[in-house]
N, C-alpha and C. Protein backbone atom coordinates (compact mmCIF):
# COMPACT_ATOMS: atom_id res chain seq x y z
N MET A 1 106.17 109.97 81.69
CA MET A 1 107.07 108.93 82.33
C MET A 1 108.43 109.91 82.82
N PRO A 2 108.53 109.47 83.98
CA PRO A 2 109.86 110.15 84.52
C PRO A 2 111.31 109.85 83.98
N ASP A 3 111.98 110.75 83.79
CA ASP A 3 113.07 110.38 83.39
C ASP A 3 114.51 110.37 84.46
N LYS A 4 114.07 110.97 85.50
CA LYS A 4 115.01 111.02 86.72
C LYS A 4 114.14 110.72 88.09
N TRP A 5 115.06 110.19 89.06
CA TRP A 5 114.54 110.12 90.30
C TRP A 5 113.90 111.43 90.92
N ILE A 6 114.21 112.59 90.77
CA ILE A 6 113.62 113.76 91.29
C ILE A 6 112.42 114.41 90.81
N ASP A 7 112.14 113.71 89.38
CA ASP A 7 110.78 113.96 88.66
C ASP A 7 109.80 113.11 89.43
N VAL A 8 110.16 111.95 89.91
CA VAL A 8 109.07 111.09 90.60
C VAL A 8 108.62 111.69 91.96
N LEU A 9 109.77 112.49 92.84
CA LEU A 9 109.24 113.09 93.95
C LEU A 9 108.77 114.27 93.46
N THR A 10 108.75 115.21 92.60
CA THR A 10 108.27 116.40 92.21
C THR A 10 106.80 116.07 91.75
N ALA A 11 106.69 115.03 91.13
CA ALA A 11 105.27 114.78 90.85
C ALA A 11 104.44 114.50 91.71
N ILE A 12 105.18 113.56 92.78
CA ILE A 12 103.98 113.28 94.15
C ILE A 12 103.68 114.64 94.90
N GLU A 13 104.71 115.24 94.88
CA GLU A 13 104.63 116.65 95.72
C GLU A 13 103.80 117.60 94.98
N SER A 14 103.73 117.62 93.64
CA SER A 14 102.57 118.54 92.89
C SER A 14 101.18 117.91 93.11
N LEU A 15 101.12 116.47 93.34
CA LEU A 15 99.54 116.08 93.48
C LEU A 15 99.46 116.53 95.14
N ARG A 16 100.17 116.61 95.94
CA ARG A 16 99.99 117.10 97.25
C ARG A 16 99.53 118.72 97.42
N THR A 17 100.07 119.45 96.48
CA THR A 17 99.99 120.95 96.74
C THR A 17 98.95 121.48 95.62
N GLU A 18 98.85 120.93 94.43
CA GLU A 18 98.16 121.54 93.22
C GLU A 18 96.62 120.87 93.36
N LYS A 19 95.85 121.91 92.80
CA LYS A 19 94.46 121.73 92.63
C LYS A 19 94.31 120.56 91.77
N HIS A 20 93.38 119.46 92.13
CA HIS A 20 93.04 118.45 91.04
C HIS A 20 91.82 117.78 91.96
N ASP A 21 91.33 116.73 91.20
CA ASP A 21 90.35 115.94 91.68
C ASP A 21 90.60 114.28 91.81
N TYR A 22 91.87 114.13 91.68
CA TYR A 22 92.33 112.87 91.52
C TYR A 22 92.31 112.23 93.19
N GLN A 23 92.01 110.84 93.03
CA GLN A 23 91.60 110.31 94.15
C GLN A 23 92.62 109.14 94.54
N THR A 24 93.39 108.82 93.38
CA THR A 24 94.29 107.57 93.46
C THR A 24 95.57 107.88 92.78
N ILE A 25 96.68 107.43 93.35
CA ILE A 25 97.93 107.51 92.46
C ILE A 25 98.69 106.09 92.19
N VAL A 26 98.66 105.90 91.04
CA VAL A 26 99.15 104.29 90.78
C VAL A 26 100.52 104.57 90.27
N ILE A 27 101.81 103.89 90.79
CA ILE A 27 102.90 104.12 90.23
C ILE A 27 103.35 102.49 89.65
N ASP A 28 103.42 102.60 87.99
CA ASP A 28 103.54 101.44 87.40
C ASP A 28 104.81 101.46 86.45
N THR A 29 105.85 100.96 86.96
CA THR A 29 105.99 99.92 88.10
C THR A 29 107.09 100.34 89.02
N ILE A 30 106.83 99.91 90.17
CA ILE A 30 107.71 100.41 91.15
C ILE A 30 109.31 99.86 90.80
N ASP A 31 109.27 98.64 90.25
CA ASP A 31 110.72 98.22 89.87
C ASP A 31 111.48 99.04 88.86
N ALA A 32 110.50 99.64 88.05
CA ALA A 32 111.06 100.82 86.95
C ALA A 32 111.65 101.78 87.58
N LEU A 33 111.25 102.23 88.77
CA LEU A 33 111.80 103.37 89.58
C LEU A 33 113.14 103.06 90.09
N GLU A 34 113.59 101.68 90.25
CA GLU A 34 114.70 101.44 91.12
C GLU A 34 116.01 102.02 90.33
N PRO A 35 116.09 101.48 88.91
CA PRO A 35 117.17 102.14 88.22
C PRO A 35 117.54 103.58 88.17
N LEU A 36 116.12 104.31 88.15
CA LEU A 36 116.35 105.95 88.23
C LEU A 36 117.01 106.27 89.65
N LEU A 37 116.36 105.43 90.66
CA LEU A 37 117.26 106.01 92.00
C LEU A 37 118.57 105.43 92.23
N TRP A 38 118.79 104.35 91.44
CA TRP A 38 120.56 103.92 91.46
C TRP A 38 121.11 104.99 90.74
N LYS A 39 120.58 105.38 89.45
CA LYS A 39 121.40 106.34 89.00
C LYS A 39 121.77 107.77 89.66
N TYR A 40 120.46 108.03 90.23
CA TYR A 40 120.68 109.27 91.17
C TYR A 40 121.71 109.07 92.23
N ILE A 41 121.72 108.08 92.78
CA ILE A 41 122.78 107.85 93.86
C ILE A 41 124.04 107.99 93.45
N CYS A 42 124.32 107.47 92.34
CA CYS A 42 125.62 107.19 91.75
C CYS A 42 126.07 108.54 91.38
N GLU A 43 125.18 109.22 90.75
CA GLU A 43 125.71 110.80 90.45
C GLU A 43 125.80 111.57 91.61
N ARG A 44 125.04 111.46 92.48
CA ARG A 44 125.11 112.54 93.62
C ARG A 44 126.27 112.05 94.61
N ASP A 45 126.53 110.60 94.66
CA ASP A 45 127.58 110.41 95.67
C ASP A 45 129.02 110.18 94.69
N LYS A 46 128.72 110.25 93.23
CA LYS A 46 130.15 110.08 92.51
C LYS A 46 130.66 108.80 92.52
N ARG A 47 129.56 107.93 92.34
CA ARG A 47 129.91 106.34 92.40
C ARG A 47 130.14 105.76 90.92
N SER A 48 130.89 104.95 90.63
CA SER A 48 130.66 104.33 89.46
C SER A 48 129.72 103.29 89.25
N SER A 49 129.28 102.79 90.34
CA SER A 49 128.16 101.61 90.42
C SER A 49 127.69 101.63 91.60
N ILE A 50 126.35 101.22 91.74
CA ILE A 50 125.50 100.85 93.05
C ILE A 50 126.19 99.71 93.64
N ASP A 51 126.88 98.78 93.10
CA ASP A 51 127.54 97.96 93.84
C ASP A 51 129.03 98.21 94.53
N GLY A 52 129.62 97.38 95.34
CA GLY A 52 130.68 97.56 95.81
C GLY A 52 130.62 98.78 97.15
N ASP A 53 131.95 98.87 97.62
CA ASP A 53 131.95 99.57 98.93
C ASP A 53 131.11 99.13 99.99
N TYR A 54 131.31 97.66 100.05
CA TYR A 54 130.52 96.92 101.19
C TYR A 54 129.12 97.24 101.20
N GLY A 55 128.40 97.40 100.26
CA GLY A 55 126.79 97.67 100.12
C GLY A 55 126.49 98.88 100.46
N LYS A 56 127.51 100.07 100.67
CA LYS A 56 127.13 101.31 100.79
C LYS A 56 125.93 102.09 99.78
N GLY A 57 126.34 101.72 98.71
CA GLY A 57 125.37 102.29 97.73
C GLY A 57 123.91 101.98 97.78
N TYR A 58 123.57 100.61 98.27
CA TYR A 58 122.51 100.07 98.58
C TYR A 58 121.90 100.81 99.84
N VAL A 59 122.50 100.90 100.97
CA VAL A 59 122.03 101.78 102.08
C VAL A 59 121.70 103.02 101.85
N ALA A 60 122.52 103.79 101.14
CA ALA A 60 122.17 105.03 100.56
C ALA A 60 120.87 104.87 99.75
N ALA A 61 120.57 104.07 99.01
CA ALA A 61 119.49 103.99 98.31
C ALA A 61 118.14 103.71 99.14
N LEU A 62 118.22 102.96 100.17
CA LEU A 62 117.29 102.69 101.01
C LEU A 62 116.96 103.71 101.73
N ASP A 63 117.95 104.79 102.02
CA ASP A 63 117.49 105.98 102.76
C ASP A 63 116.58 106.75 101.84
N GLU A 64 116.97 106.89 100.51
CA GLU A 64 115.90 107.51 99.54
C GLU A 64 114.80 106.86 99.27
N TRP A 65 114.55 105.51 99.56
CA TRP A 65 113.35 105.01 99.44
C TRP A 65 112.53 105.48 100.42
N ARG A 66 113.05 105.83 101.78
CA ARG A 66 112.33 106.10 102.81
C ARG A 66 111.79 107.89 102.51
N VAL A 67 112.87 108.36 101.87
CA VAL A 67 112.11 109.88 101.40
C VAL A 67 110.74 109.56 100.45
N PHE A 68 111.01 108.54 99.60
CA PHE A 68 109.89 108.47 98.65
C PHE A 68 108.64 107.94 99.33
N LEU A 69 108.67 107.24 100.29
CA LEU A 69 107.54 106.62 101.19
C LEU A 69 106.98 107.78 101.99
N ALA A 70 107.84 108.59 102.63
CA ALA A 70 107.49 109.87 103.36
C ALA A 70 106.83 110.75 102.38
N ALA A 71 107.18 110.89 101.17
CA ALA A 71 106.20 111.76 100.22
C ALA A 71 104.80 111.08 99.89
N LEU A 72 104.89 110.01 99.85
CA LEU A 72 103.53 108.97 99.67
C LEU A 72 102.70 109.26 101.03
N GLU A 73 103.16 109.16 102.11
CA GLU A 73 102.51 109.41 103.43
C GLU A 73 101.92 110.94 103.47
N ARG A 74 102.73 111.86 103.07
CA ARG A 74 102.30 113.17 103.04
C ARG A 74 100.95 113.53 102.06
N LEU A 75 101.09 112.67 101.03
CA LEU A 75 100.01 112.59 100.00
C LEU A 75 98.80 112.01 100.69
N ARG A 76 98.77 111.11 101.17
CA ARG A 76 97.82 110.33 101.80
C ARG A 76 97.26 111.19 103.04
N ARG A 77 97.95 111.67 103.91
CA ARG A 77 97.72 112.53 104.94
C ARG A 77 96.78 113.76 104.55
N ASP A 78 97.57 114.37 103.55
CA ASP A 78 97.05 115.94 103.15
C ASP A 78 95.81 115.60 102.46
N ARG A 79 96.05 114.77 101.31
CA ARG A 79 94.76 114.91 100.17
C ARG A 79 93.81 113.57 100.26
N HIS A 80 94.39 112.84 101.06
CA HIS A 80 93.47 111.52 101.51
C HIS A 80 93.41 110.56 100.25
N MET A 81 94.57 110.53 99.24
CA MET A 81 94.41 109.75 98.16
C MET A 81 95.04 108.28 98.60
N GLY A 82 94.52 107.44 97.55
CA GLY A 82 94.99 106.05 97.70
C GLY A 82 96.09 105.90 96.96
N ILE A 83 96.85 104.87 97.40
CA ILE A 83 98.15 104.70 96.70
C ILE A 83 98.21 103.15 96.41
N VAL A 84 98.57 102.95 95.10
CA VAL A 84 98.77 101.59 94.56
C VAL A 84 100.21 101.62 93.84
N LEU A 85 100.87 100.71 94.27
CA LEU A 85 102.08 100.50 93.96
C LEU A 85 102.11 99.01 93.17
N ILE A 86 102.50 99.01 91.73
CA ILE A 86 102.49 97.88 91.01
C ILE A 86 103.89 97.54 90.74
N GLY A 87 104.22 96.26 90.80
CA GLY A 87 105.63 95.63 90.60
C GLY A 87 105.69 94.34 89.88
N HIS A 88 106.63 94.10 89.19
CA HIS A 88 106.97 92.82 88.61
C HIS A 88 107.51 92.02 89.69
N SER A 89 107.56 90.55 89.33
CA SER A 89 107.95 89.59 90.26
C SER A 89 108.92 88.89 89.37
N TRP A 90 109.83 88.06 90.43
CA TRP A 90 110.83 87.35 89.89
C TRP A 90 110.77 85.89 90.78
N ILE A 91 111.43 84.98 90.37
CA ILE A 91 111.75 83.72 90.95
C ILE A 91 113.03 83.79 91.50
N ARG A 92 112.93 83.48 93.05
CA ARG A 92 114.36 83.85 93.52
C ARG A 92 114.53 82.42 94.50
N PRO A 93 115.82 81.95 94.61
CA PRO A 93 116.02 80.78 95.65
C PRO A 93 115.90 81.27 96.95
N PHE A 94 115.26 80.48 98.08
CA PHE A 94 114.99 80.86 99.24
C PHE A 94 115.93 79.65 99.93
N LYS A 95 116.67 80.43 101.14
CA LYS A 95 117.39 79.52 102.01
C LYS A 95 116.50 79.36 103.08
N SER A 96 116.04 78.13 103.47
CA SER A 96 115.04 77.87 104.52
C SER A 96 115.94 77.47 105.71
N PRO A 97 115.63 77.90 106.89
CA PRO A 97 116.20 77.52 108.06
C PRO A 97 116.02 76.21 108.64
N ASN A 98 114.62 75.56 108.28
CA ASN A 98 114.16 74.51 108.67
C ASN A 98 113.43 73.43 107.73
N SER A 99 113.99 73.69 106.43
CA SER A 99 113.62 72.69 105.45
C SER A 99 114.72 72.72 104.23
N PRO A 100 114.60 71.77 103.21
CA PRO A 100 115.34 72.06 102.19
C PRO A 100 115.10 73.28 101.45
N ASP A 101 116.08 74.05 100.88
CA ASP A 101 116.05 75.18 100.20
C ASP A 101 114.89 75.08 98.90
N TYR A 102 114.22 76.19 98.48
CA TYR A 102 113.28 76.03 97.42
C TYR A 102 113.25 77.67 96.76
N ASP A 103 112.69 77.71 95.59
CA ASP A 103 112.52 78.71 94.98
C ASP A 103 111.19 79.51 95.44
N ARG A 104 110.94 80.55 95.40
CA ARG A 104 109.64 81.41 95.45
C ARG A 104 109.71 82.80 94.74
N ILE A 105 108.39 83.08 94.71
CA ILE A 105 108.26 84.17 93.95
C ILE A 105 108.15 85.59 94.94
N GLU A 106 108.96 86.59 94.38
CA GLU A 106 109.31 87.87 95.34
C GLU A 106 109.19 89.05 94.55
N LEU A 107 108.95 90.24 94.95
CA LEU A 107 108.95 91.27 94.45
C LEU A 107 110.29 91.53 93.80
N LYS A 108 110.28 92.27 92.48
CA LYS A 108 111.38 92.24 91.67
C LYS A 108 112.12 93.64 92.03
N LEU A 109 112.75 93.66 93.20
CA LEU A 109 113.54 94.71 93.62
C LEU A 109 114.50 94.12 94.48
N HIS A 110 115.50 95.08 94.69
CA HIS A 110 116.72 94.82 95.62
C HIS A 110 116.22 94.30 97.18
N ASN A 111 116.63 93.34 97.85
CA ASN A 111 116.00 92.83 98.69
C ASN A 111 115.87 93.82 99.86
N ARG A 112 116.50 94.73 100.25
CA ARG A 112 116.42 95.56 101.15
C ARG A 112 115.31 96.42 100.91
N ALA A 113 115.01 96.98 99.76
CA ALA A 113 114.15 97.95 99.15
C ALA A 113 112.70 97.12 99.35
N ALA A 114 112.84 95.99 98.81
CA ALA A 114 111.66 95.16 99.05
C ALA A 114 110.92 95.18 100.47
N GLY A 115 111.72 94.65 101.18
CA GLY A 115 111.47 94.66 102.40
C GLY A 115 110.79 95.75 103.11
N LEU A 116 111.53 96.92 102.91
CA LEU A 116 111.11 98.21 103.40
C LEU A 116 109.70 98.57 102.67
N LEU A 117 109.43 98.37 101.62
CA LEU A 117 108.08 98.69 101.07
C LEU A 117 106.97 97.69 101.27
N LYS A 118 107.33 96.44 101.35
CA LYS A 118 106.27 95.63 101.90
C LYS A 118 105.81 95.80 103.27
N GLU A 119 106.70 96.27 104.04
CA GLU A 119 106.43 96.60 105.32
C GLU A 119 105.57 97.94 105.44
N TRP A 120 105.87 98.78 104.72
CA TRP A 120 105.16 100.07 104.68
C TRP A 120 103.68 99.86 104.18
N CYS A 121 103.48 98.99 103.06
CA CYS A 121 102.26 98.86 102.62
C CYS A 121 101.08 98.41 103.58
N ASP A 122 99.90 98.40 103.46
CA ASP A 122 98.77 97.94 104.19
C ASP A 122 98.53 96.41 103.84
N ASN A 123 98.70 96.45 102.29
CA ASN A 123 98.40 95.03 101.59
C ASN A 123 99.40 94.79 100.59
N VAL A 124 99.97 93.64 100.58
CA VAL A 124 100.75 93.08 99.47
C VAL A 124 100.14 91.91 98.69
N PHE A 125 99.77 92.18 97.70
CA PHE A 125 98.92 91.00 96.79
C PHE A 125 100.01 90.55 95.79
N TYR A 126 99.69 89.29 95.50
CA TYR A 126 100.37 88.55 94.47
C TYR A 126 99.29 88.32 93.27
N ALA A 127 99.60 88.95 92.06
CA ALA A 127 98.58 88.82 91.10
C ALA A 127 98.94 87.44 90.28
N HIS A 128 98.28 86.73 89.68
CA HIS A 128 98.48 85.70 88.53
C HIS A 128 97.17 85.12 88.02
N TYR A 129 97.43 84.76 86.87
CA TYR A 129 96.45 83.88 86.37
C TYR A 129 96.22 82.41 86.96
N GLU A 130 95.11 82.18 87.47
CA GLU A 130 94.60 80.71 88.20
C GLU A 130 95.19 79.64 87.39
N THR A 131 96.01 78.79 87.81
CA THR A 131 96.45 77.65 86.97
C THR A 131 96.37 76.31 88.09
N PHE A 132 96.38 75.21 87.37
CA PHE A 132 96.17 73.70 87.98
C PHE A 132 97.07 72.82 87.18
N SER A 133 97.53 72.10 87.98
CA SER A 133 98.39 71.06 87.45
C SER A 133 97.69 69.62 87.32
N VAL A 134 97.76 69.27 85.97
CA VAL A 134 97.03 67.87 85.67
C VAL A 134 97.76 66.86 85.06
N GLU A 135 97.72 65.85 85.14
CA GLU A 135 98.27 64.58 84.74
C GLU A 135 97.95 64.19 83.46
N ASP A 136 98.76 64.15 82.30
CA ASP A 136 98.41 63.72 80.92
C ASP A 136 98.57 62.23 80.98
N LYS A 137 98.09 61.62 79.89
CA LYS A 137 98.09 60.22 79.75
C LYS A 137 99.33 59.51 79.72
N ASN A 138 100.22 60.32 79.68
CA ASN A 138 101.87 59.76 79.79
C ASN A 138 102.40 59.68 81.22
N GLY A 139 101.61 60.23 82.20
CA GLY A 139 102.09 60.50 83.59
C GLY A 139 102.70 61.83 83.74
N LYS A 140 102.63 62.55 82.93
CA LYS A 140 103.57 63.90 83.13
C LYS A 140 102.59 65.16 83.64
N ASN A 141 103.08 65.76 84.40
CA ASN A 141 102.16 66.86 84.76
C ASN A 141 102.27 68.09 83.87
N LYS A 142 101.10 68.76 83.66
CA LYS A 142 101.03 69.80 82.77
C LYS A 142 100.21 70.90 83.53
N GLY A 143 100.71 72.37 83.33
CA GLY A 143 99.95 73.37 83.70
C GLY A 143 98.83 73.66 82.94
N ILE A 144 97.48 73.88 83.46
CA ILE A 144 96.49 74.27 82.84
C ILE A 144 96.03 75.59 83.52
N SER A 145 95.59 76.52 82.70
CA SER A 145 95.20 78.14 83.24
C SER A 145 93.59 78.02 83.05
N SER A 146 92.97 78.62 83.97
CA SER A 146 91.40 78.63 83.98
C SER A 146 91.33 80.00 83.22
N GLY A 147 92.31 80.79 83.01
CA GLY A 147 91.96 82.22 82.36
C GLY A 147 91.65 83.35 83.38
N ALA A 148 91.22 82.74 84.67
CA ALA A 148 90.85 83.73 85.69
C ALA A 148 92.11 84.44 86.09
N ARG A 149 91.99 85.74 86.36
CA ARG A 149 93.17 86.57 87.07
C ARG A 149 92.80 86.55 88.68
N VAL A 150 93.47 86.17 89.34
CA VAL A 150 93.38 86.34 90.72
C VAL A 150 94.38 86.98 91.68
N ILE A 151 94.16 87.33 92.76
CA ILE A 151 95.17 87.84 93.86
C ILE A 151 95.19 86.99 95.00
N ARG A 152 96.55 86.78 95.45
CA ARG A 152 96.49 86.18 96.71
C ARG A 152 96.82 87.08 97.68
N THR A 153 96.43 86.97 98.76
CA THR A 153 96.14 88.12 99.86
C THR A 153 97.02 87.65 101.06
N VAL A 154 97.51 86.33 101.20
CA VAL A 154 98.06 85.78 102.59
C VAL A 154 99.36 85.16 102.10
N HIS A 155 100.51 85.42 102.88
CA HIS A 155 101.90 84.85 102.95
C HIS A 155 101.84 83.53 102.59
N ASP A 156 102.24 82.81 101.87
CA ASP A 156 102.66 81.41 101.36
C ASP A 156 104.03 81.34 101.13
N ALA A 157 104.36 80.10 101.14
CA ALA A 157 105.97 79.42 100.99
C ALA A 157 106.13 79.88 99.36
N THR A 158 105.21 80.02 98.48
CA THR A 158 105.45 80.34 97.27
C THR A 158 105.44 81.74 96.67
N TRP A 159 104.79 82.35 97.50
CA TRP A 159 104.91 84.06 97.27
C TRP A 159 104.71 84.78 98.42
N ASP A 160 105.23 86.11 98.29
CA ASP A 160 104.99 87.05 99.24
C ASP A 160 103.56 87.75 99.17
N ALA A 161 103.04 87.88 100.36
CA ALA A 161 101.61 88.60 100.56
C ALA A 161 101.25 88.88 101.79
N LYS A 162 100.49 89.85 101.92
CA LYS A 162 99.88 90.16 103.38
C LYS A 162 98.75 91.12 103.27
N ASN A 163 97.95 91.05 104.27
CA ASN A 163 96.92 92.01 104.21
C ASN A 163 96.59 92.13 105.76
N ARG A 164 95.88 93.67 106.06
CA ARG A 164 95.68 93.99 107.26
C ARG A 164 94.43 94.05 107.56
N TYR A 165 93.44 93.63 106.65
CA TYR A 165 91.77 93.68 106.80
C TYR A 165 91.34 92.30 106.84
N SER A 166 92.09 91.33 106.99
CA SER A 166 91.32 89.85 107.46
C SER A 166 90.65 89.37 106.04
N LEU A 167 91.25 89.52 104.70
CA LEU A 167 90.83 89.19 103.63
C LEU A 167 90.71 87.87 103.35
N PRO A 168 89.73 87.13 102.55
CA PRO A 168 89.95 85.82 102.17
C PRO A 168 91.25 85.72 101.40
N ALA A 169 91.96 84.45 101.45
CA ALA A 169 93.22 84.18 101.01
C ALA A 169 93.41 84.41 99.57
N MET A 170 92.36 84.24 98.92
CA MET A 170 92.35 84.63 97.12
C MET A 170 90.98 85.41 96.92
N LEU A 171 91.37 86.51 96.38
CA LEU A 171 90.19 87.11 95.40
C LEU A 171 90.39 87.28 93.72
N PRO A 172 89.18 87.62 93.21
CA PRO A 172 89.39 87.98 91.73
C PRO A 172 90.08 89.30 91.60
N LEU A 173 90.88 89.40 90.68
CA LEU A 173 91.43 90.72 90.33
C LEU A 173 90.68 91.67 89.97
N SER A 174 90.05 92.24 90.89
CA SER A 174 88.93 93.26 90.64
C SER A 174 88.79 94.28 91.94
N TYR A 175 88.86 95.66 91.61
CA TYR A 175 88.82 96.48 92.63
C TYR A 175 87.49 96.43 93.42
N ASP A 176 86.33 95.94 92.74
CA ASP A 176 84.99 95.97 93.61
C ASP A 176 85.01 94.64 94.37
N ASP A 177 85.54 93.63 94.00
CA ASP A 177 85.47 92.47 94.82
C ASP A 177 86.65 92.69 96.03
N TYR A 178 87.69 93.34 95.66
CA TYR A 178 88.39 93.67 97.08
C TYR A 178 87.55 94.87 97.88
N ALA A 179 87.20 95.74 97.68
CA ALA A 179 86.24 96.59 98.10
C ALA A 179 85.23 95.84 99.06
N ALA A 180 84.20 95.02 98.52
CA ALA A 180 83.38 94.19 99.06
C ALA A 180 83.93 93.44 100.05
N ALA A 181 85.07 92.67 99.84
CA ALA A 181 85.64 91.90 100.96
C ALA A 181 86.19 92.51 102.00
N ARG A 182 86.77 93.84 101.72
CA ARG A 182 87.27 94.82 102.75
C ARG A 182 86.00 95.30 103.73
N GLN A 183 85.02 95.49 102.89
CA GLN A 183 83.92 96.21 103.77
C GLN A 183 83.26 95.08 104.84
N THR A 184 83.15 93.88 104.37
CA THR A 184 82.80 92.88 105.18
C THR A 184 83.65 92.56 106.46
N GLN A 185 84.80 93.11 106.31
CA GLN A 185 85.57 92.68 107.50
C GLN A 185 85.98 93.97 108.51
N GLN A 186 85.09 94.91 108.16
CA GLN A 186 85.16 95.93 109.25
C GLN A 186 84.96 95.65 110.63
N PRO A 187 85.63 96.08 111.49
CA PRO A 187 85.45 95.90 112.99
C PRO A 187 84.12 96.41 113.35
N GLU A 188 83.56 95.91 114.44
CA GLU A 188 82.54 96.43 115.12
C GLU A 188 82.84 97.71 115.76
N PRO A 189 81.57 98.29 116.03
CA PRO A 189 81.69 99.76 116.70
C PRO A 189 82.74 99.70 117.94
N LEU A 190 83.46 100.83 117.94
CA LEU A 190 84.44 100.88 119.11
C LEU A 190 83.72 100.63 120.60
N GLU A 191 82.75 101.22 120.94
CA GLU A 191 82.00 101.02 122.15
C GLU A 191 81.66 99.53 122.50
N LYS A 192 81.20 98.67 121.49
CA LYS A 192 80.94 97.27 121.55
C LYS A 192 82.18 96.51 121.75
N LEU A 193 83.41 96.87 120.95
CA LEU A 193 84.46 96.25 121.05
C LEU A 193 85.26 96.52 122.55
N LYS A 194 85.06 97.56 122.89
CA LYS A 194 85.84 97.96 124.29
C LYS A 194 85.07 97.31 125.21
N ALA A 195 83.57 97.13 125.13
CA ALA A 195 82.83 96.45 126.26
C ALA A 195 83.00 94.96 126.32
N SER A 196 83.26 94.30 125.23
CA SER A 196 83.51 92.83 124.83
C SER A 196 84.72 92.60 125.55
N ILE A 197 85.91 93.45 125.34
CA ILE A 197 87.35 93.34 125.80
C ILE A 197 87.35 93.66 127.52
N ASP A 198 86.59 94.36 127.85
CA ASP A 198 86.59 94.57 129.45
C ASP A 198 86.08 93.48 130.07
N GLU A 199 85.01 92.77 129.55
CA GLU A 199 84.44 91.51 130.02
C GLU A 199 85.52 90.39 130.02
N LYS A 200 86.19 90.38 128.96
CA LYS A 200 87.13 89.25 128.88
C LYS A 200 88.35 89.60 129.81
N ILE A 201 88.69 90.79 129.89
CA ILE A 201 89.83 91.18 130.90
C ILE A 201 89.67 90.67 132.38
N LYS A 202 88.37 90.95 132.84
CA LYS A 202 87.99 90.46 134.15
C LYS A 202 88.26 88.93 134.41
N LYS A 203 88.19 88.27 133.51
CA LYS A 203 88.34 86.79 133.53
C LYS A 203 89.86 86.34 133.42
N ILE A 204 90.62 87.22 133.20
CA ILE A 204 91.98 87.00 133.38
C ILE A 204 92.75 86.91 134.72
N THR A 205 93.31 85.79 135.06
CA THR A 205 93.83 85.50 136.32
C THR A 205 95.32 85.44 136.51
N ASP A 206 95.83 85.15 135.54
CA ASP A 206 97.52 85.20 135.29
C ASP A 206 98.10 86.83 135.12
N ILE A 207 98.43 87.22 136.29
CA ILE A 207 99.10 88.44 136.24
C ILE A 207 100.00 89.09 135.07
N LYS A 208 100.75 88.25 134.58
CA LYS A 208 101.62 88.57 133.53
C LYS A 208 100.77 89.02 132.15
N THR A 209 99.94 87.78 131.90
CA THR A 209 99.05 87.89 130.95
C THR A 209 98.06 89.10 131.07
N LEU A 210 97.51 89.53 132.25
CA LEU A 210 96.67 90.67 132.18
C LEU A 210 97.59 91.87 131.98
N GLU A 211 98.78 91.88 132.34
CA GLU A 211 99.53 93.08 131.94
C GLU A 211 99.89 93.40 130.67
N LYS A 212 100.12 92.21 129.87
CA LYS A 212 100.53 92.38 128.54
C LYS A 212 99.07 92.63 127.92
N ALA A 213 98.07 92.11 128.38
CA ALA A 213 96.58 92.62 127.57
C ALA A 213 96.34 93.94 127.77
N LYS A 214 96.55 94.60 128.93
CA LYS A 214 96.19 95.76 129.06
C LYS A 214 97.28 96.88 128.28
N ALA A 215 98.45 96.34 128.40
CA ALA A 215 99.53 97.17 127.61
C ALA A 215 99.12 97.30 126.14
N PHE A 216 98.69 96.22 125.42
CA PHE A 216 98.41 96.12 124.24
C PHE A 216 97.32 96.77 123.96
N ILE A 217 96.03 96.75 124.85
CA ILE A 217 94.96 97.73 124.55
C ILE A 217 95.31 99.25 124.57
N LEU A 218 96.18 99.29 125.77
CA LEU A 218 96.33 100.84 125.75
C LEU A 218 97.16 101.48 124.68
N LYS A 219 98.02 100.70 123.98
CA LYS A 219 98.70 100.91 122.77
C LYS A 219 97.70 101.26 121.68
N ALA A 220 96.88 100.25 121.64
CA ALA A 220 95.97 100.50 120.54
C ALA A 220 95.15 101.73 120.25
N GLY A 221 94.68 102.01 121.71
CA GLY A 221 93.84 103.28 121.70
C GLY A 221 92.64 103.09 121.05
N ASP A 222 92.14 103.79 120.08
CA ASP A 222 91.00 103.64 119.18
C ASP A 222 91.06 103.01 117.92
N ASP A 223 92.02 102.44 117.86
CA ASP A 223 92.37 101.75 116.59
C ASP A 223 91.57 100.54 116.61
N GLY A 224 90.61 100.38 115.56
CA GLY A 224 89.36 99.62 115.53
C GLY A 224 89.85 97.94 115.48
N ARG A 225 91.00 97.98 114.39
CA ARG A 225 91.35 96.85 113.99
C ARG A 225 92.30 96.09 114.97
N LYS A 226 93.01 97.05 115.76
CA LYS A 226 93.97 96.36 116.73
C LYS A 226 93.04 95.90 117.95
N LEU A 227 92.05 96.53 118.16
CA LEU A 227 91.00 96.21 119.33
C LEU A 227 90.34 95.00 119.05
N ALA A 228 89.95 94.92 117.78
CA ALA A 228 89.18 93.81 117.23
C ALA A 228 90.09 92.46 117.34
N GLN A 229 91.54 92.64 117.00
CA GLN A 229 92.58 91.87 117.09
C GLN A 229 92.57 91.31 118.72
N ALA A 230 92.90 92.40 119.47
CA ALA A 230 92.83 92.01 121.00
C ALA A 230 91.46 91.15 121.50
N ASN A 231 90.37 91.75 120.90
CA ASN A 231 89.14 91.05 121.41
C ASN A 231 88.96 89.39 121.00
N ASP A 232 89.58 89.24 119.65
CA ASP A 232 89.63 87.89 119.04
C ASP A 232 90.82 87.32 120.03
């Protein structure tokens, strides 16, 4: 259990440089790290609080979150380790530009930090017990849980979620089920994808669309997922 923010960075670096057989790092929970980071920023910058000064404390914290993510990137690059960040959620009001405001479930972090981490991650899953709303004999709605633990993999008005592997919108909370679903969504071989794209490119008659398509494919390089997206 780290007591200081620097302990977290030191632990990650030791996993990168020292001899071990671990294949995955799990941080449980990411929102428990935020108070350590805020304390570090306040001590380093001689602040009485992370608040105030027109949000400069949160900006400084965001820069340190980037240092944290860079350390995880090096770990993934050098040791090929899987990275899992677990976080609590909370219900926050959401101001919608095109509908009445409503509450939604979000990652329990400062909004700037939450946005940065969600952007960095390949997958953002919302885990919960599967529940249903049923009407009792008095006409009132009552929540009933099936007891099944599930993960949501696609963004919804109710929760944050995303995935870069074309996963089903809901899966059991099981690594085996996740791995199986991910495996079935693997893109076709690069040669086959490129051949299919070349044939479709020949049929584009609009010059602007053709230029955009070629630019996208050039940028994709040999990234199978981006090429699969272009092919679709």
